[in-house]
Amino acid sequence: MNQYNKLEDEIVYLNQLVDEKEAANMLCYSVRALQNWRHRGGGPKFVKPSSRSVRYRIRDLHEWIESRTVSNTSQIIHELKSK
């Protein structure tokens, strides 16, 4: 497999949609936590393919994780004070 195929496979993987149970499992949170975040804000972006269906792009889950990655606890405190 060449580099182009690997990159293409990664793009396809990152754009896949997963249901809330799979998303919660990937994030190590409960489905209820995802539901609360959708209602109140603060969670990862989500897709509404229909009125009763919710999906998450794997890319958005990874971006949400990265946006909350810190190297020390003072970063968290600083961010909360600035809000």
N, C-alpha and C. Protein backbone atom coordinates (compact mmCIF):
# COMPACT_ATOMS: atom_id res chain seq x y z
N MET A 1 0.86 -1.18 0.00
CA MET A 1 0.00 0.00 0.00
C MET A 1 0.90 1.24 0.00
N ASN A 2 0.67 2.16 -0.91
CA ASN A 2 1.50 3.36 -0.96
C ASN A 2 0.95 4.45 -0.04
N GLN A 3 1.72 5.54 0.07
CA GLN A 3 1.33 6.63 0.99
C GLN A 3 0.00 7.26 0.60
N TYR A 4 -0.27 7.36 -0.69
CA TYR A 4 -1.53 7.95 -1.15
C TYR A 4 -2.71 7.12 -0.65
N ASN A 5 -2.61 5.81 -0.76
CA ASN A 5 -3.70 4.94 -0.30
C ASN A 5 -3.88 5.02 1.21
N LYS A 6 -2.77 5.12 1.95
CA LYS A 6 -2.87 5.25 3.41
C LYS A 6 -3.57 6.55 3.78
N LEU A 7 -3.21 7.64 3.11
CA LEU A 7 -3.84 8.92 3.37
C LEU A 7 -5.33 8.88 3.03
N GLU A 8 -5.64 8.28 1.92
CA GLU A 8 -7.04 8.15 1.49
C GLU A 8 -7.84 7.33 2.51
N ASP A 9 -7.25 6.24 2.99
CA ASP A 9 -7.92 5.40 4.00
C ASP A 9 -8.15 6.17 5.29
N GLU A 10 -7.17 7.00 5.68
CA GLU A 10 -7.30 7.78 6.90
C GLU A 10 -8.42 8.82 6.76
N ILE A 11 -8.51 9.46 5.61
CA ILE A 11 -9.57 10.44 5.36
C ILE A 11 -10.93 9.77 5.43
N VAL A 12 -11.06 8.62 4.82
CA VAL A 12 -12.33 7.88 4.86
C VAL A 12 -12.67 7.52 6.30
N TYR A 13 -11.69 7.05 7.06
CA TYR A 13 -11.92 6.68 8.46
C TYR A 13 -12.38 7.88 9.28
N LEU A 14 -11.68 9.01 9.14
CA LEU A 14 -12.01 10.20 9.93
C LEU A 14 -13.38 10.78 9.60
N ASN A 15 -13.86 10.54 8.41
CA ASN A 15 -15.17 11.06 8.00
C ASN A 15 -16.31 10.09 8.28
N GLN A 16 -16.01 8.92 8.82
CA GLN A 16 -17.06 7.96 9.14
C GLN A 16 -17.93 8.51 10.27
N LEU A 17 -19.20 8.17 10.20
CA LEU A 17 -20.14 8.53 11.26
C LEU A 17 -20.33 7.36 12.21
N VAL A 18 -20.38 7.68 13.51
CA VAL A 18 -20.64 6.65 14.52
C VAL A 18 -21.84 7.10 15.34
N ASP A 19 -22.56 6.14 15.91
CA ASP A 19 -23.71 6.50 16.73
C ASP A 19 -23.24 6.97 18.12
N GLU A 20 -24.18 7.42 18.94
CA GLU A 20 -23.80 8.00 20.22
C GLU A 20 -23.18 6.97 21.17
N LYS A 21 -23.58 5.72 21.05
CA LYS A 21 -23.00 4.68 21.91
C LYS A 21 -21.53 4.48 21.57
N GLU A 22 -21.22 4.42 20.26
CA GLU A 22 -19.82 4.27 19.84
C GLU A 22 -19.01 5.51 20.21
N ALA A 23 -19.60 6.69 20.04
CA ALA A 23 -18.91 7.94 20.38
C ALA A 23 -18.62 7.99 21.87
N ALA A 24 -19.60 7.66 22.68
CA ALA A 24 -19.41 7.65 24.13
C ALA A 24 -18.30 6.68 24.52
N ASN A 25 -18.28 5.53 23.89
CA ASN A 25 -17.25 4.54 24.15
C ASN A 25 -15.87 5.07 23.77
N MET A 26 -15.77 5.74 22.64
CA MET A 26 -14.49 6.30 22.19
C MET A 26 -13.98 7.36 23.16
N LEU A 27 -14.90 8.13 23.74
CA LEU A 27 -14.53 9.22 24.64
C LEU A 27 -14.45 8.81 26.10
N CYS A 28 -14.85 7.57 26.40
CA CYS A 28 -14.90 7.07 27.78
C CYS A 28 -15.87 7.89 28.64
N TYR A 29 -16.98 8.26 28.04
CA TYR A 29 -18.07 8.94 28.73
C TYR A 29 -19.35 8.14 28.51
N SER A 30 -20.38 8.49 29.24
CA SER A 30 -21.66 7.82 29.07
C SER A 30 -22.45 8.45 27.92
N VAL A 31 -23.40 7.70 27.41
CA VAL A 31 -24.30 8.23 26.39
C VAL A 31 -25.05 9.42 26.96
N ARG A 32 -25.42 9.33 28.23
CA ARG A 32 -26.15 10.43 28.88
C ARG A 32 -25.32 11.72 28.90
N ALA A 33 -24.02 11.60 29.09
CA ALA A 33 -23.15 12.79 29.07
C ALA A 33 -23.20 13.44 27.69
N LEU A 34 -23.14 12.63 26.63
CA LEU A 34 -23.24 13.18 25.27
C LEU A 34 -24.59 13.87 25.06
N GLN A 35 -25.64 13.26 25.56
CA GLN A 35 -26.97 13.85 25.42
C GLN A 35 -27.03 15.19 26.15
N ASN A 36 -26.46 15.27 27.34
CA ASN A 36 -26.44 16.53 28.09
C ASN A 36 -25.65 17.59 27.34
N TRP A 37 -24.50 17.23 26.80
CA TRP A 37 -23.68 18.19 26.06
C TRP A 37 -24.41 18.70 24.82
N ARG A 38 -25.13 17.82 24.16
CA ARG A 38 -25.88 18.27 22.97
C ARG A 38 -26.93 19.30 23.37
N HIS A 39 -27.54 19.10 24.50
CA HIS A 39 -28.58 20.01 24.97
C HIS A 39 -28.00 21.32 25.51
N ARG A 40 -26.93 21.21 26.30
CA ARG A 40 -26.37 22.38 27.00
C ARG A 40 -25.19 23.01 26.28
N GLY A 41 -24.58 22.28 25.36
CA GLY A 41 -23.37 22.76 24.70
C GLY A 41 -22.13 22.25 25.41
N GLY A 42 -21.00 22.38 24.76
CA GLY A 42 -19.74 21.98 25.37
C GLY A 42 -19.20 20.66 24.88
N GLY A 43 -20.01 19.88 24.20
CA GLY A 43 -19.55 18.59 23.71
C GLY A 43 -19.04 18.67 22.29
N PRO A 44 -18.69 17.53 21.73
CA PRO A 44 -18.21 17.51 20.34
C PRO A 44 -19.34 17.84 19.36
N LYS A 45 -18.95 18.30 18.19
CA LYS A 45 -19.93 18.56 17.13
C LYS A 45 -20.64 17.25 16.79
N PHE A 46 -21.88 17.37 16.33
CA PHE A 46 -22.64 16.18 15.97
C PHE A 46 -23.44 16.44 14.70
N VAL A 47 -23.93 15.35 14.11
CA VAL A 47 -24.69 15.39 12.87
C VAL A 47 -26.09 14.88 13.16
N LYS A 48 -27.10 15.55 12.61
CA LYS A 48 -28.50 15.12 12.75
C LYS A 48 -29.00 14.67 11.38
N PRO A 49 -28.80 13.40 11.01
CA PRO A 49 -29.27 12.93 9.70
C PRO A 49 -30.79 12.90 9.59
N SER A 50 -31.47 12.82 10.74
CA SER A 50 -32.93 12.88 10.76
C SER A 50 -33.33 13.47 12.11
N SER A 51 -34.61 13.68 12.31
CA SER A 51 -35.07 14.31 13.55
C SER A 51 -34.81 13.46 14.79
N ARG A 52 -34.71 12.16 14.63
CA ARG A 52 -34.53 11.28 15.79
C ARG A 52 -33.16 10.61 15.84
N SER A 53 -32.31 10.95 14.92
CA SER A 53 -31.02 10.27 14.81
C SER A 53 -29.87 11.26 15.05
N VAL A 54 -28.86 10.80 15.78
CA VAL A 54 -27.66 11.61 16.05
C VAL A 54 -26.44 10.77 15.71
N ARG A 55 -25.50 11.38 15.03
CA ARG A 55 -24.25 10.71 14.69
C ARG A 55 -23.09 11.67 14.95
N TYR A 56 -21.92 11.11 15.12
CA TYR A 56 -20.71 11.89 15.33
C TYR A 56 -19.68 11.48 14.29
N ARG A 57 -19.00 12.47 13.69
CA ARG A 57 -17.89 12.16 12.80
C ARG A 57 -16.68 11.87 13.68
N ILE A 58 -15.94 10.85 13.34
CA ILE A 58 -14.75 10.49 14.10
C ILE A 58 -13.79 11.68 14.13
N ARG A 59 -13.69 12.41 13.04
CA ARG A 59 -12.83 13.60 12.98
C ARG A 59 -13.22 14.60 14.08
N ASP A 60 -14.51 14.84 14.27
CA ASP A 60 -14.97 15.80 15.27
C ASP A 60 -14.68 15.33 16.69
N LEU A 61 -14.75 14.03 16.91
CA LEU A 61 -14.42 13.49 18.23
C LEU A 61 -12.94 13.72 18.53
N HIS A 62 -12.08 13.46 17.54
CA HIS A 62 -10.64 13.68 17.71
C HIS A 62 -10.34 15.16 17.94
N GLU A 63 -11.00 16.04 17.21
CA GLU A 63 -10.79 17.49 17.38
C GLU A 63 -11.23 17.94 18.77
N TRP A 64 -12.35 17.40 19.25
CA TRP A 64 -12.83 17.76 20.58
C TRP A 64 -11.83 17.33 21.65
N ILE A 65 -11.29 16.13 21.50
CA ILE A 65 -10.27 15.64 22.44
C ILE A 65 -9.05 16.56 22.41
N GLU A 66 -8.58 16.88 21.22
CA GLU A 66 -7.40 17.74 21.08
C GLU A 66 -7.63 19.12 21.69
N SER A 67 -8.84 19.65 21.56
CA SER A 67 -9.13 20.98 22.10
C SER A 67 -9.12 20.99 23.62
N ARG A 68 -9.16 19.84 24.24
CA ARG A 68 -9.17 19.73 25.70
C ARG A 68 -7.90 19.11 26.25
N THR A 69 -6.90 18.96 25.42
CA THR A 69 -5.64 18.38 25.84
C THR A 69 -4.73 19.48 26.39
N VAL A 70 -4.26 19.30 27.61
CA VAL A 70 -3.40 20.29 28.27
C VAL A 70 -2.14 19.59 28.77
N SER A 71 -1.13 20.38 29.06
CA SER A 71 0.12 19.80 29.55
C SER A 71 0.29 19.96 31.06
N ASN A 72 -0.54 20.82 31.67
CA ASN A 72 -0.49 20.96 33.13
C ASN A 72 -1.80 21.55 33.63
N THR A 73 -2.03 21.45 34.92
CA THR A 73 -3.32 21.87 35.47
C THR A 73 -3.53 23.38 35.46
N SER A 74 -2.45 24.17 35.43
CA SER A 74 -2.64 25.62 35.41
C SER A 74 -3.27 26.09 34.11
N GLN A 75 -3.09 25.34 33.04
CA GLN A 75 -3.74 25.69 31.77
C GLN A 75 -5.26 25.62 31.92
N ILE A 76 -5.75 24.63 32.59
CA ILE A 76 -7.19 24.47 32.78
C ILE A 76 -7.73 25.65 33.59
N ILE A 77 -7.06 25.98 34.69
CA ILE A 77 -7.50 27.07 35.54
C ILE A 77 -7.48 28.38 34.77
N HIS A 78 -6.43 28.64 34.00
CA HIS A 78 -6.32 29.86 33.22
C HIS A 78 -7.47 29.97 32.21
N GLU A 79 -7.79 28.89 31.52
CA GLU A 79 -8.87 28.90 30.53
C GLU A 79 -10.21 29.16 31.20
N LEU A 80 -10.45 28.59 32.36
CA LEU A 80 -11.72 28.80 33.05
C LEU A 80 -11.85 30.24 33.53
N LYS A 81 -10.75 30.85 33.98
CA LYS A 81 -10.79 32.24 34.44
C LYS A 81 -11.06 33.21 33.29
N SER A 82 -10.61 32.86 32.09
CA SER A 82 -10.77 33.76 30.96
C SER A 82 -12.18 33.73 30.36
N LYS A 83 -13.02 32.80 30.81
CA LYS A 83 -14.38 32.70 30.27
C LYS A 83 -15.34 33.57 31.02
